[in-house]
Amino acid sequence: MNPNPSIQFHPDEERVSEEELLQFETELGYTLPRDYFEFLLEYNGGAFAATDPGVTESAGLYFEVQDFDGQDEYRCDVAYFIGLFENPARYGLRQQHETTRDAWGIPASILPFAGSAGPPKIFICLDGELKGKVVINGTAYEEKRDAGEAITPGDFFVVADSFSAFVAGLFWSEEGSPHANP
């Protein structure tokens, strides 16, 4: 399950079973999109590298979106994918979800699945009209958070229509990331 031939994914040493993923879905109260479920089953977050030997070690993995928060182009790195770790010393999906839900006020239907070297997290929506879409938080989220208002999935910016589309759109670059710091 790798829709991007420029990325070689390596499974995490801590594997996850289908039963553990189904239990996690029960805990969440939501079903994971099938493509993301299969990614976790195969890689559980894992590590990644470029398949092209011409890509140097200093290159980063990025996604780019158009018209984000008043910027014509927004580029953000992907530093890691989050796995479902049973080891409490590792900050996995359960802990990330609890933190973003309880401390950041992000709806329970939005699951962080990746992060960047900077502050942004990358989420997948698990319910409603954005179900299955990959989203990031931007100005609308920040304004509501700062005002103490309830945050909704509609306050996030869609960067891909699915997990597979998100992975397919990732690319390697030496140029760095002009974070918008959402």
N, C-alpha and C. Protein backbone atom coordinates (compact mmCIF):
# COMPACT_ATOMS: atom_id res chain seq x y z
N MET A 1 0.86 -1.18 0.00
CA MET A 1 0.00 0.00 0.00
C MET A 1 0.90 1.23 0.00
N ASN A 2 1.55 1.49 -1.10
CA ASN A 2 2.36 2.70 -1.23
C ASN A 2 2.10 3.32 -2.59
N PRO A 3 1.29 4.37 -2.62
CA PRO A 3 0.96 5.00 -3.90
C PRO A 3 2.03 5.97 -4.42
N ASN A 4 3.19 6.02 -3.78
CA ASN A 4 4.23 6.96 -4.19
C ASN A 4 5.55 6.23 -4.39
N PRO A 5 5.95 6.01 -5.65
CA PRO A 5 7.18 5.25 -5.91
C PRO A 5 8.47 5.97 -5.50
N SER A 6 8.40 7.25 -5.14
CA SER A 6 9.61 7.97 -4.72
C SER A 6 9.93 7.76 -3.24
N ILE A 7 9.03 7.07 -2.52
CA ILE A 7 9.20 6.85 -1.08
C ILE A 7 9.28 5.36 -0.80
N GLN A 8 10.29 4.98 -0.05
CA GLN A 8 10.41 3.62 0.44
C GLN A 8 10.03 3.63 1.93
N PHE A 9 8.90 3.01 2.27
CA PHE A 9 8.50 2.92 3.67
C PHE A 9 9.12 1.68 4.29
N HIS A 10 9.50 1.80 5.55
CA HIS A 10 10.05 0.69 6.32
C HIS A 10 9.16 0.49 7.54
N PRO A 11 8.69 -0.73 7.76
CA PRO A 11 7.82 -0.97 8.91
C PRO A 11 8.50 -0.65 10.24
N ASP A 12 7.72 -0.16 11.17
CA ASP A 12 8.23 0.07 12.52
C ASP A 12 8.52 -1.29 13.15
N GLU A 13 9.51 -1.32 14.05
CA GLU A 13 9.84 -2.58 14.73
C GLU A 13 8.68 -3.06 15.60
N GLU A 14 7.85 -2.14 16.05
CA GLU A 14 6.65 -2.50 16.83
C GLU A 14 5.49 -2.61 15.86
N ARG A 15 5.14 -3.80 15.51
CA ARG A 15 4.07 -4.04 14.54
C ARG A 15 2.72 -3.96 15.25
N VAL A 16 1.67 -3.80 14.46
CA VAL A 16 0.32 -3.73 15.01
C VAL A 16 -0.53 -4.76 14.27
N SER A 17 -1.43 -5.39 14.99
CA SER A 17 -2.30 -6.41 14.37
C SER A 17 -3.63 -5.78 13.97
N GLU A 18 -4.35 -6.51 13.14
CA GLU A 18 -5.68 -6.06 12.74
C GLU A 18 -6.59 -5.95 13.97
N GLU A 19 -6.46 -6.88 14.90
CA GLU A 19 -7.28 -6.85 16.13
C GLU A 19 -6.99 -5.59 16.95
N GLU A 20 -5.71 -5.22 17.04
CA GLU A 20 -5.35 -4.01 17.78
C GLU A 20 -5.90 -2.76 17.10
N LEU A 21 -5.88 -2.73 15.78
CA LEU A 21 -6.46 -1.59 15.06
C LEU A 21 -7.97 -1.52 15.24
N LEU A 22 -8.62 -2.67 15.20
CA LEU A 22 -10.07 -2.69 15.42
C LEU A 22 -10.41 -2.22 16.83
N GLN A 23 -9.60 -2.61 17.82
CA GLN A 23 -9.79 -2.15 19.19
C GLN A 23 -9.60 -0.64 19.28
N PHE A 24 -8.59 -0.12 18.58
CA PHE A 24 -8.34 1.32 18.56
C PHE A 24 -9.54 2.05 17.94
N GLU A 25 -10.10 1.50 16.87
CA GLU A 25 -11.30 2.11 16.27
C GLU A 25 -12.45 2.14 17.28
N THR A 26 -12.60 1.08 18.04
CA THR A 26 -13.65 1.03 19.06
C THR A 26 -13.41 2.12 20.11
N GLU A 27 -12.16 2.27 20.55
CA GLU A 27 -11.82 3.31 21.53
C GLU A 27 -12.12 4.71 20.97
N LEU A 28 -11.78 4.91 19.70
CA LEU A 28 -12.02 6.22 19.08
C LEU A 28 -13.51 6.50 18.88
N GLY A 29 -14.26 5.43 18.59
CA GLY A 29 -15.66 5.60 18.23
C GLY A 29 -15.82 5.91 16.75
N TYR A 30 -14.77 5.70 15.98
CA TYR A 30 -14.77 5.98 14.54
C TYR A 30 -14.02 4.87 13.82
N THR A 31 -14.38 4.67 12.57
CA THR A 31 -13.68 3.72 11.71
C THR A 31 -12.60 4.47 10.94
N LEU A 32 -11.39 3.92 10.90
CA LEU A 32 -10.31 4.52 10.13
C LEU A 32 -10.57 4.29 8.64
N PRO A 33 -10.22 5.25 7.79
CA PRO A 33 -10.32 5.02 6.35
C PRO A 33 -9.50 3.79 5.97
N ARG A 34 -10.00 2.98 5.06
CA ARG A 34 -9.38 1.69 4.74
C ARG A 34 -7.92 1.84 4.31
N ASP A 35 -7.62 2.86 3.48
CA ASP A 35 -6.24 3.00 3.02
C ASP A 35 -5.30 3.33 4.17
N TYR A 36 -5.76 4.12 5.14
CA TYR A 36 -4.94 4.44 6.30
C TYR A 36 -4.81 3.22 7.23
N PHE A 37 -5.90 2.49 7.41
CA PHE A 37 -5.90 1.25 8.21
C PHE A 37 -4.84 0.29 7.65
N GLU A 38 -4.83 0.12 6.34
CA GLU A 38 -3.88 -0.79 5.70
C GLU A 38 -2.44 -0.30 5.85
N PHE A 39 -2.23 1.03 5.79
CA PHE A 39 -0.91 1.60 5.99
C PHE A 39 -0.40 1.28 7.41
N LEU A 40 -1.26 1.46 8.40
CA LEU A 40 -0.87 1.14 9.78
C LEU A 40 -0.57 -0.34 9.93
N LEU A 41 -1.39 -1.16 9.33
CA LEU A 41 -1.19 -2.60 9.41
C LEU A 41 0.16 -3.01 8.80
N GLU A 42 0.52 -2.39 7.69
CA GLU A 42 1.76 -2.74 7.01
C GLU A 42 3.00 -2.08 7.62
N TYR A 43 2.87 -0.78 8.02
CA TYR A 43 4.05 -0.03 8.45
C TYR A 43 4.00 0.48 9.89
N ASN A 44 2.80 0.64 10.46
CA ASN A 44 2.61 1.20 11.80
C ASN A 44 3.44 2.48 12.00
N GLY A 45 3.22 3.43 11.11
CA GLY A 45 4.02 4.66 11.15
C GLY A 45 5.30 4.43 10.39
N GLY A 46 6.22 3.71 11.01
CA GLY A 46 7.46 3.31 10.36
C GLY A 46 8.37 4.47 10.03
N ALA A 47 9.30 4.18 9.16
CA ALA A 47 10.27 5.17 8.70
C ALA A 47 10.17 5.24 7.18
N PHE A 48 10.79 6.24 6.60
CA PHE A 48 10.75 6.35 5.14
C PHE A 48 12.06 6.91 4.62
N ALA A 49 12.32 6.61 3.36
CA ALA A 49 13.52 7.09 2.68
C ALA A 49 13.19 7.28 1.21
N ALA A 50 14.04 8.01 0.52
CA ALA A 50 13.87 8.21 -0.91
C ALA A 50 14.30 6.96 -1.66
N THR A 51 13.58 6.64 -2.73
CA THR A 51 13.97 5.51 -3.57
C THR A 51 15.01 5.92 -4.61
N ASP A 52 15.08 7.20 -4.93
CA ASP A 52 16.03 7.71 -5.92
C ASP A 52 17.38 7.95 -5.25
N PRO A 53 18.44 7.27 -5.71
CA PRO A 53 19.75 7.46 -5.07
C PRO A 53 20.29 8.88 -5.25
N GLY A 54 19.70 9.65 -6.16
CA GLY A 54 20.14 11.04 -6.36
C GLY A 54 19.61 12.00 -5.30
N VAL A 55 18.65 11.55 -4.50
CA VAL A 55 18.11 12.39 -3.43
C VAL A 55 19.07 12.31 -2.25
N THR A 56 19.58 13.46 -1.82
CA THR A 56 20.57 13.48 -0.74
C THR A 56 19.90 13.31 0.63
N GLU A 57 20.71 13.02 1.63
CA GLU A 57 20.20 12.85 2.99
C GLU A 57 19.64 14.15 3.56
N SER A 58 20.04 15.29 3.01
CA SER A 58 19.54 16.57 3.51
C SER A 58 18.17 16.92 2.94
N ALA A 59 17.71 16.15 1.97
CA ALA A 59 16.39 16.42 1.38
C ALA A 59 15.30 16.06 2.38
N GLY A 60 14.21 16.79 2.31
CA GLY A 60 13.07 16.50 3.16
C GLY A 60 11.88 16.08 2.34
N LEU A 61 10.92 15.45 2.99
CA LEU A 61 9.68 15.03 2.35
C LEU A 61 8.64 16.12 2.61
N TYR A 62 7.95 16.55 1.55
CA TYR A 62 7.04 17.69 1.64
C TYR A 62 5.71 17.43 0.96
N PHE A 63 4.73 18.26 1.35
CA PHE A 63 3.50 18.39 0.57
C PHE A 63 3.28 19.88 0.36
N GLU A 64 2.52 20.19 -0.66
CA GLU A 64 2.29 21.59 -1.00
C GLU A 64 0.81 21.76 -1.27
N VAL A 65 0.26 22.88 -0.82
CA VAL A 65 -1.13 23.20 -1.09
C VAL A 65 -1.22 24.62 -1.63
N GLN A 66 -2.27 24.87 -2.36
CA GLN A 66 -2.51 26.19 -2.95
C GLN A 66 -3.55 26.94 -2.12
N ASP A 67 -3.43 28.24 -2.09
CA ASP A 67 -4.43 29.12 -1.45
C ASP A 67 -4.71 28.77 0.00
N PHE A 68 -3.66 28.59 0.79
CA PHE A 68 -3.81 28.28 2.20
C PHE A 68 -3.61 29.54 3.03
N ASP A 69 -4.62 29.94 3.79
CA ASP A 69 -4.53 31.09 4.70
C ASP A 69 -3.92 32.32 4.03
N GLY A 70 -4.36 32.62 2.82
CA GLY A 70 -3.90 33.81 2.13
C GLY A 70 -2.57 33.66 1.42
N GLN A 71 -1.96 32.51 1.50
CA GLN A 71 -0.70 32.26 0.79
C GLN A 71 -1.01 31.56 -0.52
N ASP A 72 -0.34 31.99 -1.59
CA ASP A 72 -0.55 31.33 -2.88
C ASP A 72 -0.13 29.87 -2.80
N GLU A 73 1.03 29.62 -2.20
CA GLU A 73 1.52 28.26 -2.02
C GLU A 73 1.98 28.09 -0.57
N TYR A 74 1.70 26.93 -0.04
CA TYR A 74 2.15 26.58 1.30
C TYR A 74 2.82 25.23 1.21
N ARG A 75 4.04 25.15 1.70
CA ARG A 75 4.79 23.91 1.70
C ARG A 75 5.09 23.53 3.15
N CYS A 76 4.87 22.25 3.44
CA CYS A 76 5.13 21.76 4.79
C CYS A 76 5.84 20.42 4.70
N ASP A 77 6.79 20.21 5.58
CA ASP A 77 7.50 18.94 5.60
C ASP A 77 6.70 17.88 6.35
N VAL A 78 7.02 16.65 6.06
CA VAL A 78 6.51 15.51 6.80
C VAL A 78 7.72 14.84 7.44
N ALA A 79 7.86 15.01 8.74
CA ALA A 79 9.03 14.48 9.44
C ALA A 79 8.81 13.05 9.92
N TYR A 80 7.55 12.70 10.19
CA TYR A 80 7.27 11.36 10.72
C TYR A 80 5.80 11.03 10.55
N PHE A 81 5.52 9.73 10.49
CA PHE A 81 4.16 9.20 10.56
C PHE A 81 4.02 8.57 11.94
N ILE A 82 2.86 8.70 12.53
CA ILE A 82 2.63 8.23 13.90
C ILE A 82 2.06 6.81 13.86
N GLY A 83 2.60 5.95 14.69
CA GLY A 83 2.12 4.58 14.78
C GLY A 83 1.27 4.36 16.02
N LEU A 84 0.65 3.21 16.06
CA LEU A 84 -0.15 2.80 17.23
C LEU A 84 0.77 1.97 18.11
N PHE A 85 1.45 2.64 19.04
CA PHE A 85 2.45 1.98 19.86
C PHE A 85 1.87 1.59 21.21
N GLU A 86 2.17 0.38 21.62
CA GLU A 86 1.75 -0.08 22.95
C GLU A 86 2.76 0.32 24.01
N ASN A 87 3.98 0.57 23.60
CA ASN A 87 5.03 0.99 24.52
C ASN A 87 4.71 2.40 25.02
N PRO A 88 4.46 2.57 26.33
CA PRO A 88 4.07 3.88 26.86
C PRO A 88 5.16 4.95 26.73
N ALA A 89 6.39 4.53 26.50
CA ALA A 89 7.48 5.50 26.34
C ALA A 89 7.44 6.17 24.96
N ARG A 90 6.66 5.61 24.04
CA ARG A 90 6.55 6.18 22.70
C ARG A 90 5.24 6.95 22.61
N TYR A 91 5.28 8.10 22.01
CA TYR A 91 4.12 8.99 21.91
C TYR A 91 3.36 8.66 20.63
N GLY A 92 2.46 7.68 20.72
CA GLY A 92 1.77 7.16 19.55
C GLY A 92 0.41 7.79 19.29
N LEU A 93 -0.36 7.13 18.45
CA LEU A 93 -1.66 7.65 18.03
C LEU A 93 -2.59 7.94 19.20
N ARG A 94 -2.67 7.03 20.16
CA ARG A 94 -3.56 7.26 21.31
C ARG A 94 -3.17 8.55 22.05
N GLN A 95 -1.88 8.68 22.35
CA GLN A 95 -1.41 9.84 23.11
C GLN A 95 -1.55 11.13 22.29
N GLN A 96 -1.20 11.06 21.02
CA GLN A 96 -1.33 12.24 20.15
C GLN A 96 -2.79 12.67 20.05
N HIS A 97 -3.68 11.69 19.89
CA HIS A 97 -5.11 12.00 19.78
C HIS A 97 -5.64 12.61 21.08
N GLU A 98 -5.26 12.04 22.20
CA GLU A 98 -5.69 12.59 23.49
C GLU A 98 -5.20 14.02 23.68
N THR A 99 -3.96 14.28 23.33
CA THR A 99 -3.40 15.62 23.48
C THR A 99 -4.10 16.63 22.58
N THR A 100 -4.26 16.29 21.31
CA THR A 100 -4.89 17.25 20.40
C THR A 100 -6.36 17.46 20.76
N ARG A 101 -7.01 16.44 21.25
CA ARG A 101 -8.42 16.55 21.65
C ARG A 101 -8.57 17.32 22.96
N ASP A 102 -7.81 16.91 23.98
CA ASP A 102 -7.99 17.47 25.32
C ASP A 102 -7.28 18.80 25.54
N ALA A 103 -6.08 18.95 25.03
CA ALA A 103 -5.30 20.17 25.27
C ALA A 103 -5.48 21.21 24.16
N TRP A 104 -5.69 20.74 22.94
CA TRP A 104 -5.79 21.68 21.82
C TRP A 104 -7.24 21.97 21.43
N GLY A 105 -8.19 21.20 21.96
CA GLY A 105 -9.60 21.43 21.64
C GLY A 105 -10.01 20.93 20.27
N ILE A 106 -9.23 20.05 19.68
CA ILE A 106 -9.54 19.53 18.35
C ILE A 106 -10.61 18.44 18.49
N PRO A 107 -11.62 18.45 17.62
CA PRO A 107 -12.68 17.44 17.73
C PRO A 107 -12.12 16.01 17.72
N ALA A 108 -12.81 15.12 18.42
CA ALA A 108 -12.38 13.73 18.51
C ALA A 108 -12.38 13.04 17.16
N SER A 109 -13.12 13.56 16.20
CA SER A 109 -13.21 12.96 14.87
C SER A 109 -12.02 13.32 13.98
N ILE A 110 -11.05 14.05 14.53
CA ILE A 110 -9.87 14.44 13.76
C ILE A 110 -8.65 13.83 14.43
N LEU A 111 -7.98 12.93 13.69
CA LEU A 111 -6.88 12.14 14.24
C LEU A 111 -5.55 12.61 13.65
N PRO A 112 -4.58 13.00 14.50
CA PRO A 112 -3.26 13.34 13.97
C PRO A 112 -2.55 12.05 13.54
N PHE A 113 -2.02 12.04 12.31
CA PHE A 113 -1.34 10.83 11.84
C PHE A 113 0.11 11.10 11.43
N ALA A 114 0.49 12.37 11.35
CA ALA A 114 1.87 12.70 10.95
C ALA A 114 2.20 14.07 11.53
N GLY A 115 3.49 14.38 11.52
CA GLY A 115 3.92 15.68 12.02
C GLY A 115 5.09 16.18 11.20
N SER A 116 5.37 17.46 11.40
CA SER A 116 6.48 18.09 10.69
C SER A 116 7.58 18.42 11.69
N ALA A 117 8.69 18.90 11.16
CA ALA A 117 9.78 19.33 12.03
C ALA A 117 9.39 20.59 12.79
N GLY A 118 8.46 21.35 12.24
CA GLY A 118 7.95 22.55 12.90
C GLY A 118 6.70 22.20 13.68
N PRO A 119 5.90 23.19 14.01
CA PRO A 119 4.73 22.94 14.84
C PRO A 119 3.56 22.21 14.18
N PRO A 120 3.37 22.26 12.87
CA PRO A 120 2.15 21.67 12.34
C PRO A 120 2.04 20.16 12.53
N LYS A 121 0.81 19.72 12.76
CA LYS A 121 0.45 18.31 12.73
C LYS A 121 -0.39 18.13 11.47
N ILE A 122 -0.45 16.89 11.01
CA ILE A 122 -1.24 16.55 9.85
C ILE A 122 -2.28 15.55 10.33
N PHE A 123 -3.54 15.78 9.97
CA PHE A 123 -4.66 15.03 10.51
C PHE A 123 -5.44 14.32 9.42
N ILE A 124 -6.20 13.31 9.84
CA ILE A 124 -7.18 12.70 8.95
C ILE A 124 -8.53 12.79 9.64
N CYS A 125 -9.54 13.18 8.87
CA CYS A 125 -10.88 13.36 9.41
C CYS A 125 -11.61 12.01 9.37
N LEU A 126 -12.27 11.65 10.47
CA LEU A 126 -12.87 10.33 10.62
C LEU A 126 -14.39 10.33 10.54
N ASP A 127 -15.01 11.50 10.32
CA ASP A 127 -16.47 11.55 10.33
C ASP A 127 -16.96 12.77 9.56
N GLY A 128 -18.23 12.77 9.24
CA GLY A 128 -18.86 13.92 8.61
C GLY A 128 -18.49 14.08 7.15
N GLU A 129 -18.75 15.28 6.63
CA GLU A 129 -18.53 15.50 5.20
C GLU A 129 -17.05 15.52 4.83
N LEU A 130 -16.16 15.64 5.80
CA LEU A 130 -14.72 15.60 5.52
C LEU A 130 -14.11 14.22 5.78
N LYS A 131 -14.95 13.22 6.02
CA LYS A 131 -14.46 11.88 6.35
C LYS A 131 -13.46 11.40 5.30
N GLY A 132 -12.30 10.93 5.79
CA GLY A 132 -11.26 10.39 4.93
C GLY A 132 -10.30 11.43 4.39
N LYS A 133 -10.64 12.70 4.52
CA LYS A 133 -9.78 13.76 3.98
C LYS A 133 -8.63 14.08 4.94
N VAL A 134 -7.50 14.48 4.36
CA VAL A 134 -6.34 14.89 5.14
C VAL A 134 -6.42 16.40 5.30
N VAL A 135 -6.27 16.87 6.55
CA VAL A 135 -6.44 18.30 6.86
C VAL A 135 -5.29 18.81 7.73
N ILE A 136 -5.12 20.12 7.70
CA ILE A 136 -4.19 20.80 8.61
C ILE A 136 -4.94 21.96 9.25
N ASN A 137 -4.44 22.42 10.38
CA ASN A 137 -5.08 23.55 11.03
C ASN A 137 -4.41 24.84 10.56
N GLY A 138 -5.23 25.88 10.46
CA GLY A 138 -4.74 27.17 10.00
C GLY A 138 -5.36 28.29 10.81
N THR A 139 -5.57 29.42 10.18
CA THR A 139 -6.04 30.62 10.86
C THR A 139 -7.41 30.44 11.50
N ALA A 140 -8.35 29.80 10.81
CA ALA A 140 -9.70 29.62 11.37
C ALA A 140 -9.63 28.85 12.69
N TYR A 141 -8.82 27.82 12.73
CA TYR A 141 -8.63 27.04 13.96
C TYR A 141 -8.02 27.93 15.05
N GLU A 142 -6.95 28.64 14.71
CA GLU A 142 -6.27 29.48 15.70
C GLU A 142 -7.19 30.54 16.28
N GLU A 143 -7.97 31.18 15.42
CA GLU A 143 -8.87 32.24 15.89
C GLU A 143 -9.90 31.69 16.86
N LYS A 144 -10.49 30.57 16.54
CA LYS A 144 -11.48 29.96 17.44
C LYS A 144 -10.84 29.48 18.74
N ARG A 145 -9.66 28.86 18.62
CA ARG A 145 -8.96 28.39 19.82
C ARG A 145 -8.65 29.57 20.73
N ASP A 146 -8.10 30.64 20.17
CA ASP A 146 -7.73 31.82 20.97
C ASP A 146 -8.94 32.50 21.60
N ALA A 147 -10.10 32.41 20.93
CA ALA A 147 -11.33 33.02 21.45
C ALA A 147 -12.06 32.08 22.41
N GLY A 148 -11.55 30.87 22.57
CA GLY A 148 -12.20 29.91 23.46
C GLY A 148 -13.46 29.31 22.87
N GLU A 149 -13.61 29.39 21.55
CA GLU A 149 -14.79 28.85 20.89
C GLU A 149 -14.58 27.39 20.50
N ALA A 150 -15.68 26.68 20.33
CA ALA A 150 -15.61 25.28 19.92
C ALA A 150 -15.05 25.17 18.50
N ILE A 151 -14.12 24.26 18.33
CA ILE A 151 -13.50 24.03 17.03
C ILE A 151 -14.25 22.91 16.34
N THR A 152 -14.47 23.06 15.03
CA THR A 152 -15.17 22.05 14.24
C THR A 152 -14.27 21.58 13.10
N PRO A 153 -14.58 20.44 12.50
CA PRO A 153 -13.80 20.00 11.35
C PRO A 153 -13.75 21.03 10.23
N GLY A 154 -14.80 21.83 10.09
CA GLY A 154 -14.83 22.86 9.06
C GLY A 154 -13.80 23.96 9.26
N ASP A 155 -13.15 24.00 10.43
CA ASP A 155 -12.12 25.01 10.71
C ASP A 155 -10.75 24.57 10.22
N PHE A 156 -10.68 23.40 9.59
CA PHE A 156 -9.42 22.87 9.08
C PHE A 156 -9.36 23.02 7.57
N PHE A 157 -8.16 22.98 7.04
CA PHE A 157 -7.93 23.15 5.61
C PHE A 157 -7.64 21.78 4.99
N VAL A 158 -8.39 21.41 3.96
CA VAL A 158 -8.20 20.12 3.29
C VAL A 158 -6.97 20.19 2.39
N VAL A 159 -6.05 19.25 2.59
CA VAL A 159 -4.85 19.18 1.76
C VAL A 159 -4.87 17.98 0.81
N ALA A 160 -5.72 16.98 1.08
CA ALA A 160 -5.84 15.83 0.18
C ALA A 160 -7.19 15.16 0.44
N ASP A 161 -7.74 14.56 -0.61
CA ASP A 161 -9.04 13.92 -0.51
C ASP A 161 -9.00 12.56 0.19
N SER A 162 -7.79 12.00 0.37
CA SER A 162 -7.65 10.71 1.05
C SER A 162 -6.21 10.57 1.53
N PHE A 163 -6.00 9.58 2.39
CA PHE A 163 -4.64 9.29 2.83
C PHE A 163 -3.77 8.90 1.65
N SER A 164 -4.28 8.03 0.77
CA SER A 164 -3.51 7.60 -0.40
C SER A 164 -3.15 8.78 -1.29
N ALA A 165 -4.10 9.70 -1.50
CA ALA A 165 -3.82 10.88 -2.33
C ALA A 165 -2.76 11.76 -1.66
N PHE A 166 -2.81 11.85 -0.33
CA PHE A 166 -1.80 12.62 0.39
C PHE A 166 -0.41 12.03 0.16
N VAL A 167 -0.27 10.73 0.37
CA VAL A 167 1.02 10.07 0.19
C VAL A 167 1.48 10.19 -1.27
N ALA A 168 0.56 10.02 -2.21
CA ALA A 168 0.91 10.12 -3.63
C ALA A 168 1.45 11.50 -3.99
N GLY A 169 0.98 12.53 -3.29
CA GLY A 169 1.40 13.90 -3.58
C GLY A 169 2.67 14.35 -2.89
N LEU A 170 3.24 13.54 -2.02
CA LEU A 170 4.47 13.91 -1.32
C LEU A 170 5.65 13.94 -2.28
N PHE A 171 6.60 14.83 -2.02
CA PHE A 171 7.78 14.94 -2.88
C PHE A 171 8.99 15.30 -2.05
N TRP A 172 10.16 15.01 -2.60
CA TRP A 172 11.44 15.30 -1.94
C TRP A 172 11.95 16.65 -2.41
N SER A 173 12.51 17.42 -1.47
CA SER A 173 13.07 18.72 -1.83
C SER A 173 14.23 19.06 -0.90
N GLU A 174 15.18 19.79 -1.45
CA GLU A 174 16.32 20.30 -0.69
C GLU A 174 16.04 21.70 -0.15
N GLU A 175 14.94 22.31 -0.58
CA GLU A 175 14.72 23.74 -0.36
C GLU A 175 14.22 24.14 1.01
N GLY A 176 13.70 23.27 1.78
CA GLY A 176 13.20 23.67 3.11
C GLY A 176 11.75 24.05 3.08
N SER A 177 11.26 24.39 4.24
CA SER A 177 9.83 24.61 4.42
C SER A 177 9.53 26.00 4.97
N PRO A 178 8.84 26.83 4.21
CA PRO A 178 8.41 28.12 4.77
C PRO A 178 7.12 27.93 5.55
N HIS A 179 7.24 27.42 6.78
CA HIS A 179 6.04 27.13 7.61
C HIS A 179 5.21 28.38 7.82
N ALA A 180 3.91 28.18 7.78
CA ALA A 180 2.98 29.25 8.13
C ALA A 180 2.72 29.26 9.63
N ASN A 181 3.28 28.29 10.34
CA ASN A 181 3.10 28.13 11.79
C ASN A 181 1.65 28.14 12.24
N PRO A 182 0.85 27.20 11.68
CA PRO A 182 -0.53 27.13 12.18
C PRO A 182 -0.58 26.59 13.58
